């Protein structure tokens, strides 16, 4: 979702009033070799009718993806997804990348929320640093999955949406 939202915002900035990026971030396209390996690995597993690990498992080794998150993604991708459609999406995901010049087109407010233990935290921080008008909220002790269930996540997002909904 975060990749799609950022791409939309850079392609059509005149159509976006504000943006929320939740549990996602940004990497320079030329610095994403881990991401390319993760996508390739995931596509191969899907094409062999296997479930996949979250992409976040390939990113930060000091912030491991939680066991519940891994099991949830693996189960959903193995049993409840169209493997051909998902592998096609992953094969083409790199098309959603944006470079720094694209991010400079974003002048509207951006809310970035990420868990302290989320493997995508560093890329969320990079996104915050690359944008002029963003606010980063790091939710203590939360990971990629548990952040969504925290009251701080809900109140931060709610306040942002109420502030920029007019």
C-alpha atoms as a PDB file:
ATOM      1  CA  UNK A   1       0.000   0.000   0.000  1.00  0.00           C
ATOM      2  CA  UNK A   2       2.763   2.439   0.874  1.00  0.00           C
ATOM      3  CA  UNK A   3       4.545   1.863  -2.456  1.00  0.00           C
ATOM      4  CA  UNK A   4       1.328   2.439  -4.391  1.00  0.00           C
ATOM      5  CA  UNK A   5       0.475   5.573  -2.393  1.00  0.00           C
ATOM      6  CA  UNK A   6       3.911   7.098  -2.928  1.00  0.00           C
ATOM      7  CA  UNK A   7       3.868   6.350  -6.647  1.00  0.00           C
ATOM      8  CA  UNK A   8       0.390   7.867  -6.997  1.00  0.00           C
ATOM      9  CA  UNK A   9       1.485  10.948  -5.050  1.00  0.00           C
ATOM     10  CA  UNK A  10       4.539  11.482  -7.269  1.00  0.00           C
ATOM     11  CA  UNK A  11       2.701  10.867 -10.544  1.00  0.00           C
ATOM     12  CA  UNK A  12      -0.341  13.009  -9.687  1.00  0.00           C
ATOM     13  CA  UNK A  13       0.622  15.403  -6.885  1.00  0.00           C
ATOM     14  CA  UNK A  14      -2.108  17.816  -7.969  1.00  0.00           C
ATOM     15  CA  UNK A  15      -4.716  15.167  -7.071  1.00  0.00           C
ATOM     16  CA  UNK A  16      -3.476  14.496  -3.548  1.00  0.00           C
ATOM     17  CA  UNK A  17      -4.336  16.656  -0.549  1.00  0.00           C
ATOM     18  CA  UNK A  18      -2.457  14.659   2.089  1.00  0.00           C
ATOM     19  CA  UNK A  19      -0.855  11.244   2.356  1.00  0.00           C
ATOM     20  CA  UNK A  20      -0.557   8.607   5.071  1.00  0.00           C
ATOM     21  CA  UNK A  21       2.232   6.039   4.786  1.00  0.00           C
ATOM     22  CA  UNK A  22       1.790   3.335   7.385  1.00  0.00           C
ATOM     23  CA  UNK A  23       4.451   0.722   8.088  1.00  0.00           C
ATOM     24  CA  UNK A  24       6.287   1.580   4.875  1.00  0.00           C
ATOM     25  CA  UNK A  25       9.037   3.849   3.710  1.00  0.00           C
ATOM     26  CA  UNK A  26      11.388   4.657   0.894  1.00  0.00           C
ATOM     27  CA  UNK A  27      14.753   3.508  -0.410  1.00  0.00           C
ATOM     28  CA  UNK A  28      16.824   4.969  -3.210  1.00  0.00           C
ATOM     29  CA  UNK A  29      16.128   2.687  -6.211  1.00  0.00           C
ATOM     30  CA  UNK A  30      19.851   2.090  -6.735  1.00  0.00           C
ATOM     31  CA  UNK A  31      20.238   0.909  -3.104  1.00  0.00           C
ATOM     32  CA  UNK A  32      17.652  -1.866  -3.151  1.00  0.00           C
ATOM     33  CA  UNK A  33      19.557  -5.063  -3.912  1.00  0.00           C
ATOM     34  CA  UNK A  34      18.049  -6.726  -0.812  1.00  0.00           C
ATOM     35  CA  UNK A  35      14.615  -5.858  -2.100  1.00  0.00           C
ATOM     36  CA  UNK A  36      15.290  -7.338  -5.535  1.00  0.00           C
ATOM     37  CA  UNK A  37      16.550 -10.562  -3.931  1.00  0.00           C
ATOM     38  CA  UNK A  38      13.493 -10.704  -1.673  1.00  0.00           C
ATOM     39  CA  UNK A  39      11.129 -10.266  -4.615  1.00  0.00           C
ATOM     40  CA  UNK A  40      12.922 -12.906  -6.680  1.00  0.00           C
ATOM     41  CA  UNK A  41      12.823 -15.366  -3.766  1.00  0.00           C
ATOM     42  CA  UNK A  42       9.116 -14.686  -3.182  1.00  0.00           C
ATOM     43  CA  UNK A  43       8.210 -15.124  -6.855  1.00  0.00           C
ATOM     44  CA  UNK A  44      10.045 -18.466  -6.980  1.00  0.00           C
ATOM     45  CA  UNK A  45       8.190 -19.700  -3.888  1.00  0.00           C
ATOM     46  CA  UNK A  46       4.817 -18.595  -5.222  1.00  0.00           C
ATOM     47  CA  UNK A  47       5.438 -20.285  -8.553  1.00  0.00           C
ATOM     48  CA  UNK A  48       6.102 -23.527  -6.667  1.00  0.00           C
ATOM     49  CA  UNK A  49       2.750 -23.096  -4.840  1.00  0.00           C
ATOM     50  CA  UNK A  50       4.417 -22.318  -1.541  1.00  0.00           C
ATOM     51  CA  UNK A  51       3.637 -19.507   0.884  1.00  0.00           C
ATOM     52  CA  UNK A  52       6.117 -16.668   1.172  1.00  0.00           C
ATOM     53  CA  UNK A  53       7.793 -14.885   4.048  1.00  0.00           C
ATOM     54  CA  UNK A  54       7.079 -11.179   4.493  1.00  0.00           C
ATOM     55  CA  UNK A  55       9.423  -9.019   2.421  1.00  0.00           C
ATOM     56  CA  UNK A  56      10.448  -7.382   5.695  1.00  0.00           C
ATOM     57  CA  UNK A  57      12.260 -10.603   6.700  1.00  0.00           C
ATOM     58  CA  UNK A  58      14.956  -9.746   4.170  1.00  0.00           C
ATOM     59  CA  UNK A  59      15.560  -6.190   5.338  1.00  0.00           C
ATOM     60  CA  UNK A  60      16.717  -5.494   8.885  1.00  0.00           C
ATOM     61  CA  UNK A  61      18.457  -8.197  10.823  1.00  0.00           C
ATOM     62  CA  UNK A  62      18.465  -6.200  14.075  1.00  0.00           C
ATOM     63  CA  UNK A  63      14.661  -5.828  13.917  1.00  0.00           C
ATOM     64  CA  UNK A  64      13.407  -9.281  13.086  1.00  0.00           C
ATOM     65  CA  UNK A  65       9.979  -9.870  11.649  1.00  0.00           C
ATOM     66  CA  UNK A  66       7.772 -11.331  14.375  1.00  0.00           C
ATOM     67  CA  UNK A  67       6.838 -15.007  14.304  1.00  0.00           C
ATOM     68  CA  UNK A  68       3.099 -14.235  14.246  1.00  0.00           C
ATOM     69  CA  UNK A  69       3.597 -11.894  11.274  1.00  0.00           C
ATOM     70  CA  UNK A  70       5.652 -14.522   9.405  1.00  0.00           C
ATOM     71  CA  UNK A  71       3.066 -17.263  10.024  1.00  0.00           C
ATOM     72  CA  UNK A  72       0.189 -14.970   9.064  1.00  0.00           C
ATOM     73  CA  UNK A  73       1.776 -13.911   5.731  1.00  0.00           C
ATOM     74  CA  UNK A  74       2.938 -17.432   4.868  1.00  0.00           C
ATOM     75  CA  UNK A  75      -0.508 -18.911   5.582  1.00  0.00           C
ATOM     76  CA  UNK A  76      -2.381 -16.204   3.687  1.00  0.00           C
ATOM     77  CA  UNK A  77      -0.112 -16.323   0.654  1.00  0.00           C
ATOM     78  CA  UNK A  78      -0.137 -20.111   0.486  1.00  0.00           C
ATOM     79  CA  UNK A  79      -3.837 -20.746   1.041  1.00  0.00           C
ATOM     80  CA  UNK A  80      -5.830 -17.599   0.287  1.00  0.00           C
ATOM     81  CA  UNK A  81      -4.159 -15.895  -2.677  1.00  0.00           C
ATOM     82  CA  UNK A  82      -3.997 -16.333  -6.402  1.00  0.00           C
ATOM     83  CA  UNK A  83      -0.340 -17.353  -6.766  1.00  0.00           C
ATOM     84  CA  UNK A  84      -0.126 -16.257 -10.410  1.00  0.00           C
ATOM     85  CA  UNK A  85      -1.569 -12.827  -9.674  1.00  0.00           C
ATOM     86  CA  UNK A  86       0.595 -12.292  -6.597  1.00  0.00           C
ATOM     87  CA  UNK A  87       3.788 -13.386  -8.379  1.00  0.00           C
ATOM     88  CA  UNK A  88       2.949 -11.022 -11.277  1.00  0.00           C
ATOM     89  CA  UNK A  89       2.479  -8.205  -8.770  1.00  0.00           C
ATOM     90  CA  UNK A  90       5.811  -8.947  -7.091  1.00  0.00           C
ATOM     91  CA  UNK A  91       7.627  -9.238 -10.432  1.00  0.00           C
ATOM     92  CA  UNK A  92       6.418  -5.741 -11.324  1.00  0.00           C
ATOM     93  CA  UNK A  93       6.711  -4.123  -7.898  1.00  0.00           C
ATOM     94  CA  UNK A  94       9.968  -2.393  -8.813  1.00  0.00           C
ATOM     95  CA  UNK A  95       7.959  -0.273 -11.266  1.00  0.00           C
ATOM     96  CA  UNK A  96       6.472   1.458  -8.223  1.00  0.00           C
ATOM     97  CA  UNK A  97       9.832   2.766  -7.042  1.00  0.00           C
ATOM     98  CA  UNK A  98      10.324   6.515  -6.855  1.00  0.00           C
ATOM     99  CA  UNK A  99      13.566   8.440  -6.811  1.00  0.00           C
ATOM    100  CA  UNK A 100      14.489  11.489  -4.755  1.00  0.00           C
ATOM    101  CA  UNK A 101      13.503  13.902  -7.528  1.00  0.00           C
ATOM    102  CA  UNK A 102      10.035  12.328  -7.586  1.00  0.00           C
ATOM    103  CA  UNK A 103       9.676  12.784  -3.826  1.00  0.00           C
ATOM    104  CA  UNK A 104      10.498  16.481  -4.196  1.00  0.00           C
ATOM    105  CA  UNK A 105       7.177  16.868  -6.048  1.00  0.00           C
ATOM    106  CA  UNK A 106       5.372  16.128  -2.781  1.00  0.00           C
ATOM    107  CA  UNK A 107       4.597  19.373  -0.980  1.00  0.00           C
ATOM    108  CA  UNK A 108       1.405  18.348   0.808  1.00  0.00           C
ATOM    109  CA  UNK A 109       1.387  16.973   4.389  1.00  0.00           C
ATOM    110  CA  UNK A 110       2.529  13.367   4.835  1.00  0.00           C
ATOM    111  CA  UNK A 111       1.904  11.280   7.949  1.00  0.00           C
ATOM    112  CA  UNK A 112       4.376   8.434   8.426  1.00  0.00           C
ATOM    113  CA  UNK A 113       3.670   5.904  11.176  1.00  0.00           C
ATOM    114  CA  UNK A 114       5.906   2.924  11.896  1.00  0.00           C
ATOM    115  CA  UNK A 115       6.603   0.612  14.798  1.00  0.00           C
ATOM    116  CA  UNK A 116       9.875   0.879  16.685  1.00  0.00           C
ATOM    117  CA  UNK A 117      10.590  -2.782  15.929  1.00  0.00           C
ATOM    118  CA  UNK A 118       9.312  -2.730  12.346  1.00  0.00           C
ATOM    119  CA  UNK A 119      11.953  -3.926   9.858  1.00  0.00           C
ATOM    120  CA  UNK A 120      10.835  -1.044   7.626  1.00  0.00           C
ATOM    121  CA  UNK A 121      11.571   1.597  10.277  1.00  0.00           C
ATOM    122  CA  UNK A 122      14.833   2.772   8.694  1.00  0.00           C
ATOM    123  CA  UNK A 123      13.168   3.202   5.304  1.00  0.00           C
ATOM    124  CA  UNK A 124      10.319   5.118   6.991  1.00  0.00           C
ATOM    125  CA  UNK A 125      12.936   7.401   8.544  1.00  0.00           C
ATOM    126  CA  UNK A 126      14.563   7.848   5.113  1.00  0.00           C
ATOM    127  CA  UNK A 127      11.188   8.815   3.664  1.00  0.00           C
ATOM    128  CA  UNK A 128      10.653  11.345   6.444  1.00  0.00           C
ATOM    129  CA  UNK A 129      14.115  12.837   5.827  1.00  0.00           C
ATOM    130  CA  UNK A 130      13.462  13.070   2.071  1.00  0.00           C
ATOM    131  CA  UNK A 131      10.157  14.942   2.421  1.00  0.00           C
ATOM    132  CA  UNK A 132       9.771  18.590   3.350  1.00  0.00           C
ATOM    133  CA  UNK A 133       6.324  18.381   4.920  1.00  0.00           C
ATOM    134  CA  UNK A 134       6.164  15.085   6.804  1.00  0.00           C
ATOM    135  CA  UNK A 135       5.654  13.992  10.366  1.00  0.00           C
ATOM    136  CA  UNK A 136       7.129  10.687  11.514  1.00  0.00           C
ATOM    137  CA  UNK A 137       5.631   8.825  14.460  1.00  0.00           C
ATOM    138  CA  UNK A 138       7.515   5.793  15.766  1.00  0.00           C
ATOM    139  CA  UNK A 139       5.325   3.664  18.030  1.00  0.00           C
ATOM    140  CA  UNK A 140       7.398   2.229  20.910  1.00  0.00           C
ATOM    141  CA  UNK A 141       7.757  -1.564  21.233  1.00  0.00           C
ATOM    142  CA  UNK A 142       5.578  -2.303  18.184  1.00  0.00           C
ATOM    143  CA  UNK A 143       6.442  -4.242  15.027  1.00  0.00           C
ATOM    144  CA  UNK A 144       4.998  -4.240  11.510  1.00  0.00           C
ATOM    145  CA  UNK A 145       1.852  -6.078  12.577  1.00  0.00           C
ATOM    146  CA  UNK A 146       1.233  -4.953  16.174  1.00  0.00           C
ATOM    147  CA  UNK A 147       1.518  -1.253  15.308  1.00  0.00           C
ATOM    148  CA  UNK A 148      -1.880  -1.429  13.609  1.00  0.00           C
ATOM    149  CA  UNK A 149      -3.555  -2.456  16.865  1.00  0.00           C
ATOM    150  CA  UNK A 150      -2.047   0.227  19.096  1.00  0.00           C
ATOM    151  CA  UNK A 151      -4.065   3.158  20.385  1.00  0.00           C
ATOM    152  CA  UNK A 152      -1.203   5.536  19.503  1.00  0.00           C
ATOM    153  CA  UNK A 153      -1.421   4.436  15.864  1.00  0.00           C
ATOM    154  CA  UNK A 154      -5.170   5.095  15.759  1.00  0.00           C
ATOM    155  CA  UNK A 155      -4.991   8.456  17.530  1.00  0.00           C
ATOM    156  CA  UNK A 156      -2.055   9.677  15.394  1.00  0.00           C
ATOM    157  CA  UNK A 157      -3.751   8.719  12.144  1.00  0.00           C
ATOM    158  CA  UNK A 158      -7.123  10.084  13.270  1.00  0.00           C
ATOM    159  CA  UNK A 159      -5.636  13.434  14.296  1.00  0.00           C
ATOM    160  CA  UNK A 160      -3.756  13.727  11.004  1.00  0.00           C
ATOM    161  CA  UNK A 161      -6.860  12.938   8.948  1.00  0.00           C
ATOM    162  CA  UNK A 162      -8.995  15.369  10.938  1.00  0.00           C
ATOM    163  CA  UNK A 163      -6.389  18.108  10.563  1.00  0.00           C
ATOM    164  CA  UNK A 164      -6.028  17.710   6.796  1.00  0.00           C
ATOM    165  CA  UNK A 165      -9.491  16.557   5.701  1.00  0.00           C
ATOM    166  CA  UNK A 166     -10.805  20.017   4.721  1.00  0.00           C
END
